[in-house]
Amino acid sequence: MIVVNRFRVPETDGEAFRADLQRAHDALAARPGYVAGTMGRNVDDPELWLLTTTWEHVGAYRRALSSYDVKLHAVATLSRALDEPSAYESADPGTDLNIRATRSIG
């Protein structure tokens, strides 16, 4: 599972945000199920930042978000993300794609 969080940050706040984003990434990286992650800044628009993380499965990511350390060191930064869908499934050849369907039982 891939999580893509994008942030719009004024250039003047860039260095402080970079430190906050690193702290958030470190907190997430310490959680079970974390596979990899990358921080980035857009080369054409330096106010646009990115944090991508990869997880073993959606449950690992959701449990990470509810952990005390992530709430303490990451949630405030992650809450600054642009309001857009952020969770993606792998679409590599041979993987089964999620099917849109009701997930509750009548």
Protein backbone atom coordinates (compact mmCIF):
# COMPACT_ATOMS: atom_id res chain seq x y z
CA MET A 1 0.00 0.00 0.00
CA ILE A 2 1.30 3.43 -0.95
CA VAL A 3 0.42 6.65 0.88
CA VAL A 4 0.99 9.99 -0.87
CA ASN A 5 0.66 13.16 1.21
CA ARG A 6 1.16 16.52 -0.51
CA PHE A 7 1.61 19.79 1.35
CA ARG A 8 1.48 23.46 0.34
CA VAL A 9 4.00 25.37 2.49
CA PRO A 10 5.13 28.98 2.07
CA GLU A 11 8.79 29.14 1.01
CA THR A 12 9.64 31.12 4.12
CA ASP A 13 8.47 28.17 6.27
CA GLY A 14 10.28 25.56 4.17
CA GLU A 15 13.19 24.71 6.48
CA ALA A 16 11.00 24.44 9.58
CA PHE A 17 8.51 22.31 7.66
CA ARG A 18 11.32 20.09 6.39
CA ALA A 19 12.33 19.34 9.99
CA ASP A 20 8.69 18.67 10.95
CA LEU A 21 8.23 16.38 7.96
CA GLN A 22 11.39 14.45 8.84
CA ARG A 23 10.13 13.99 12.40
CA ALA A 24 6.78 12.74 11.06
CA HIS A 25 8.52 10.36 8.65
CA ASP A 26 10.76 9.02 11.42
CA ALA A 27 7.74 8.32 13.64
CA LEU A 28 5.97 6.48 10.84
CA ALA A 29 9.11 4.55 9.86
CA ALA A 30 9.40 3.14 13.39
CA ARG A 31 6.00 1.44 13.15
CA PRO A 32 5.45 -2.24 12.26
CA GLY A 33 4.50 -2.74 8.62
CA TYR A 34 6.43 0.27 7.32
CA VAL A 35 8.37 -0.65 4.16
CA ALA A 36 9.86 2.58 2.77
CA GLY A 37 9.35 6.32 2.51
CA THR A 38 10.55 9.44 0.74
CA MET A 39 10.28 13.16 1.37
CA GLY A 40 10.41 15.55 -1.56
CA ARG A 41 9.91 19.09 -2.73
CA ASN A 42 8.63 19.99 -6.18
CA VAL A 43 11.37 21.29 -8.51
CA ASP A 44 9.05 23.75 -10.29
CA ASP A 45 6.98 24.87 -7.30
CA PRO A 46 9.09 24.98 -4.12
CA GLU A 47 5.99 25.49 -1.99
CA LEU A 48 4.76 21.98 -2.86
CA TRP A 49 6.13 19.20 -0.63
CA LEU A 50 5.55 15.44 -0.65
CA LEU A 51 5.78 12.53 1.76
CA THR A 52 5.30 9.05 0.34
CA THR A 53 5.31 5.94 2.47
CA THR A 54 4.86 2.30 1.56
CA TRP A 55 3.24 -0.20 3.91
CA GLU A 56 2.77 -3.97 3.98
CA HIS A 57 -1.01 -3.45 3.98
CA VAL A 58 -3.65 -0.87 4.82
CA GLY A 59 -4.09 -2.24 8.34
CA ALA A 60 -0.44 -1.56 9.19
CA TYR A 61 -0.82 2.04 8.05
CA ARG A 62 -4.02 2.58 10.00
CA ARG A 63 -2.49 1.07 13.14
CA ALA A 64 0.56 3.31 12.70
CA LEU A 65 -1.66 6.40 12.63
CA SER A 66 -3.28 5.39 15.91
CA SER A 67 0.01 4.81 17.76
CA TYR A 68 0.99 7.21 20.53
CA ASP A 69 4.36 8.18 18.98
CA VAL A 70 2.79 8.97 15.61
CA LYS A 71 0.06 11.02 17.25
CA LEU A 72 2.73 12.91 19.19
CA HIS A 73 5.30 13.44 16.42
CA ALA A 74 3.45 13.19 13.09
CA VAL A 75 -0.26 13.92 13.20
CA ALA A 76 0.10 17.71 13.47
CA THR A 77 2.29 17.74 10.36
CA LEU A 78 0.21 15.19 8.46
CA SER A 79 -2.93 17.22 9.18
CA ARG A 80 -1.43 19.99 7.01
CA ALA A 81 -1.66 17.74 3.92
CA LEU A 82 -3.78 18.86 1.00
CA ASP A 83 -7.33 17.54 1.24
CA GLU A 84 -7.19 14.80 -1.38
CA PRO A 85 -7.19 10.99 -1.42
CA SER A 86 -3.83 9.71 -0.20
CA ALA A 87 -4.00 5.89 -0.03
CA TYR A 88 -3.15 3.90 -3.16
CA GLU A 89 -2.93 0.21 -3.87
CA SER A 90 -0.16 -1.29 -5.93
CA ALA A 91 -1.19 -1.68 -9.56
CA ASP A 92 1.89 -3.64 -10.65
CA PRO A 93 1.26 -6.34 -13.27
CA GLY A 94 -0.12 -9.48 -11.69
CA THR A 95 -1.58 -7.79 -8.59
CA ASP A 96 -5.27 -7.99 -7.81
CA LEU A 97 -6.91 -4.58 -7.79
CA ASN A 98 -9.44 -3.57 -5.18
CA ILE A 99 -13.05 -3.81 -6.34
CA ARG A 100 -15.42 -0.97 -5.45
CA ALA A 101 -18.15 -2.60 -3.39
CA THR A 102 -20.09 -2.11 -0.19
CA ARG A 103 -18.04 -3.53 2.67
CA SER A 104 -20.75 -3.91 5.26
CA ILE A 105 -22.97 -6.92 5.69
CA GLY A 106 -26.68 -6.20 5.46
